């Protein structure tokens, strides 16, 4: 099965009624194995944030490579007062500690 292109950042949902687990993006629901994690979502759904890509094209954008708590490297960007990060926390909550550390 090829990943389905989606417009919204996918999330995982487990039905309390049926116990089935789903990858969900907007009105797209795909049943996935019970042990599926967020890291597995690209196997089922293909999502690309256009907001982050737009900031890359700006000549006034600044970016930093930062190391996460488990050693993974993320990119924090700022352009015209708009901040973004490539970590999962920012993708889901639109805020993260990596951005806060760069603002300080």
C-alpha atoms as a PDB file:
ATOM      1  CA  UNK A   1       0.000   0.000   0.000  1.00  0.00           C
ATOM      2  CA  UNK A   2       1.416   3.396  -0.999  1.00  0.00           C
ATOM      3  CA  UNK A   3       1.048   6.346   1.397  1.00  0.00           C
ATOM      4  CA  UNK A   4      -2.050   8.468   0.769  1.00  0.00           C
ATOM      5  CA  UNK A   5      -1.338  12.203   0.183  1.00  0.00           C
ATOM      6  CA  UNK A   6      -3.113  14.304   2.835  1.00  0.00           C
ATOM      7  CA  UNK A   7      -3.504  18.037   3.477  1.00  0.00           C
ATOM      8  CA  UNK A   8      -3.428  17.936   7.290  1.00  0.00           C
ATOM      9  CA  UNK A   9      -0.838  16.656   9.718  1.00  0.00           C
ATOM     10  CA  UNK A  10      -1.886  13.059  10.503  1.00  0.00           C
ATOM     11  CA  UNK A  11      -2.558  11.763  14.011  1.00  0.00           C
ATOM     12  CA  UNK A  12      -3.287   8.406  15.584  1.00  0.00           C
ATOM     13  CA  UNK A  13      -6.682   7.525  17.039  1.00  0.00           C
ATOM     14  CA  UNK A  14      -7.822   4.403  18.857  1.00  0.00           C
ATOM     15  CA  UNK A  15     -11.574   3.871  18.983  1.00  0.00           C
ATOM     16  CA  UNK A  16     -12.825   3.205  22.503  1.00  0.00           C
ATOM     17  CA  UNK A  17     -15.851   1.469  20.998  1.00  0.00           C
ATOM     18  CA  UNK A  18     -14.130  -0.957  18.610  1.00  0.00           C
ATOM     19  CA  UNK A  19     -10.513  -0.875  19.858  1.00  0.00           C
ATOM     20  CA  UNK A  20      -9.281  -0.347  16.288  1.00  0.00           C
ATOM     21  CA  UNK A  21      -6.398   2.091  15.622  1.00  0.00           C
ATOM     22  CA  UNK A  22      -6.483   4.618  12.790  1.00  0.00           C
ATOM     23  CA  UNK A  23      -4.199   7.129  11.110  1.00  0.00           C
ATOM     24  CA  UNK A  24      -6.368  10.232  10.703  1.00  0.00           C
ATOM     25  CA  UNK A  25      -5.952  13.382   8.617  1.00  0.00           C
ATOM     26  CA  UNK A  26      -9.051  15.514   8.095  1.00  0.00           C
ATOM     27  CA  UNK A  27     -11.688  13.207   6.640  1.00  0.00           C
ATOM     28  CA  UNK A  28      -9.128  10.513   5.685  1.00  0.00           C
ATOM     29  CA  UNK A  29      -9.108   7.549   8.108  1.00  0.00           C
ATOM     30  CA  UNK A  30      -6.879   4.521   7.503  1.00  0.00           C
ATOM     31  CA  UNK A  31      -6.967   1.504   9.808  1.00  0.00           C
ATOM     32  CA  UNK A  32      -3.449   0.685  11.018  1.00  0.00           C
ATOM     33  CA  UNK A  33      -1.928  -2.050  13.238  1.00  0.00           C
ATOM     34  CA  UNK A  34      -2.386  -1.619  17.004  1.00  0.00           C
ATOM     35  CA  UNK A  35       1.334  -1.031  17.597  1.00  0.00           C
ATOM     36  CA  UNK A  36       1.603   1.838  15.071  1.00  0.00           C
ATOM     37  CA  UNK A  37       3.477   4.907  16.374  1.00  0.00           C
ATOM     38  CA  UNK A  38       3.695   8.492  15.070  1.00  0.00           C
ATOM     39  CA  UNK A  39       7.025   7.602  13.492  1.00  0.00           C
ATOM     40  CA  UNK A  40       5.180   4.956  11.408  1.00  0.00           C
ATOM     41  CA  UNK A  41       2.633   7.425   9.966  1.00  0.00           C
ATOM     42  CA  UNK A  42       4.631   8.139   6.746  1.00  0.00           C
ATOM     43  CA  UNK A  43       3.986   4.502   5.763  1.00  0.00           C
ATOM     44  CA  UNK A  44       0.274   5.327   5.543  1.00  0.00           C
ATOM     45  CA  UNK A  45      -0.021   9.076   4.909  1.00  0.00           C
ATOM     46  CA  UNK A  46       2.174  11.557   3.057  1.00  0.00           C
ATOM     47  CA  UNK A  47       1.928  15.078   4.487  1.00  0.00           C
ATOM     48  CA  UNK A  48       4.068  18.111   3.688  1.00  0.00           C
ATOM     49  CA  UNK A  49       3.645  21.371   5.542  1.00  0.00           C
ATOM     50  CA  UNK A  50       3.546  24.276   3.105  1.00  0.00           C
ATOM     51  CA  UNK A  51       4.113  26.823   5.908  1.00  0.00           C
ATOM     52  CA  UNK A  52       7.633  25.607   6.602  1.00  0.00           C
ATOM     53  CA  UNK A  53       8.582  25.425   2.930  1.00  0.00           C
ATOM     54  CA  UNK A  54       7.513  29.032   2.356  1.00  0.00           C
ATOM     55  CA  UNK A  55       9.810  30.285   5.107  1.00  0.00           C
ATOM     56  CA  UNK A  56      12.743  28.483   3.487  1.00  0.00           C
ATOM     57  CA  UNK A  57      12.388  30.536   0.326  1.00  0.00           C
ATOM     58  CA  UNK A  58      12.548  33.902   2.113  1.00  0.00           C
ATOM     59  CA  UNK A  59      15.899  35.648   1.977  1.00  0.00           C
ATOM     60  CA  UNK A  60      15.323  37.197   5.435  1.00  0.00           C
ATOM     61  CA  UNK A  61      14.717  33.824   7.113  1.00  0.00           C
ATOM     62  CA  UNK A  62      17.116  32.662   9.809  1.00  0.00           C
ATOM     63  CA  UNK A  63      17.613  29.016  10.748  1.00  0.00           C
ATOM     64  CA  UNK A  64      19.406  26.989  13.393  1.00  0.00           C
ATOM     65  CA  UNK A  65      20.224  23.302  13.690  1.00  0.00           C
ATOM     66  CA  UNK A  66      19.377  22.151  17.233  1.00  0.00           C
ATOM     67  CA  UNK A  67      19.831  18.798  18.930  1.00  0.00           C
ATOM     68  CA  UNK A  68      16.821  17.215  20.587  1.00  0.00           C
ATOM     69  CA  UNK A  69      16.842  15.414  23.934  1.00  0.00           C
ATOM     70  CA  UNK A  70      17.437  12.045  22.225  1.00  0.00           C
ATOM     71  CA  UNK A  71      20.159  13.293  19.865  1.00  0.00           C
ATOM     72  CA  UNK A  72      18.016  13.906  16.773  1.00  0.00           C
ATOM     73  CA  UNK A  73      18.801  17.166  14.940  1.00  0.00           C
ATOM     74  CA  UNK A  74      15.942  19.571  14.132  1.00  0.00           C
ATOM     75  CA  UNK A  75      15.839  22.821  12.176  1.00  0.00           C
ATOM     76  CA  UNK A  76      14.353  25.914  13.825  1.00  0.00           C
ATOM     77  CA  UNK A  77      13.458  28.790  11.496  1.00  0.00           C
ATOM     78  CA  UNK A  78      12.340  32.387  12.001  1.00  0.00           C
ATOM     79  CA  UNK A  79      11.063  34.675   9.263  1.00  0.00           C
ATOM     80  CA  UNK A  80       9.183  37.908   9.835  1.00  0.00           C
ATOM     81  CA  UNK A  81       8.370  36.908  13.413  1.00  0.00           C
ATOM     82  CA  UNK A  82       6.999  33.485  12.405  1.00  0.00           C
ATOM     83  CA  UNK A  83       8.779  30.531  13.995  1.00  0.00           C
ATOM     84  CA  UNK A  84       8.801  26.880  12.930  1.00  0.00           C
ATOM     85  CA  UNK A  85      10.602  23.687  13.880  1.00  0.00           C
ATOM     86  CA  UNK A  86      10.882  20.318  12.185  1.00  0.00           C
ATOM     87  CA  UNK A  87      10.207  18.389  15.430  1.00  0.00           C
ATOM     88  CA  UNK A  88       6.999  16.419  16.011  1.00  0.00           C
ATOM     89  CA  UNK A  89       6.044  18.655  18.958  1.00  0.00           C
ATOM     90  CA  UNK A  90       5.842  21.703  16.714  1.00  0.00           C
ATOM     91  CA  UNK A  91       3.963  19.797  14.015  1.00  0.00           C
ATOM     92  CA  UNK A  92       1.264  18.769  16.511  1.00  0.00           C
ATOM     93  CA  UNK A  93       1.151  21.696  18.968  1.00  0.00           C
ATOM     94  CA  UNK A  94       2.665  24.570  16.938  1.00  0.00           C
ATOM     95  CA  UNK A  95       5.144  25.218  19.775  1.00  0.00           C
ATOM     96  CA  UNK A  96       8.209  23.468  21.168  1.00  0.00           C
ATOM     97  CA  UNK A  97      11.168  23.898  23.492  1.00  0.00           C
ATOM     98  CA  UNK A  98      13.590  24.157  20.552  1.00  0.00           C
ATOM     99  CA  UNK A  99      11.983  27.438  19.445  1.00  0.00           C
ATOM    100  CA  UNK A 100      11.842  28.758  23.016  1.00  0.00           C
ATOM    101  CA  UNK A 101      15.556  28.045  23.448  1.00  0.00           C
ATOM    102  CA  UNK A 102      16.417  30.013  20.284  1.00  0.00           C
ATOM    103  CA  UNK A 103      14.226  32.967  21.313  1.00  0.00           C
ATOM    104  CA  UNK A 104      16.101  33.283  24.635  1.00  0.00           C
END
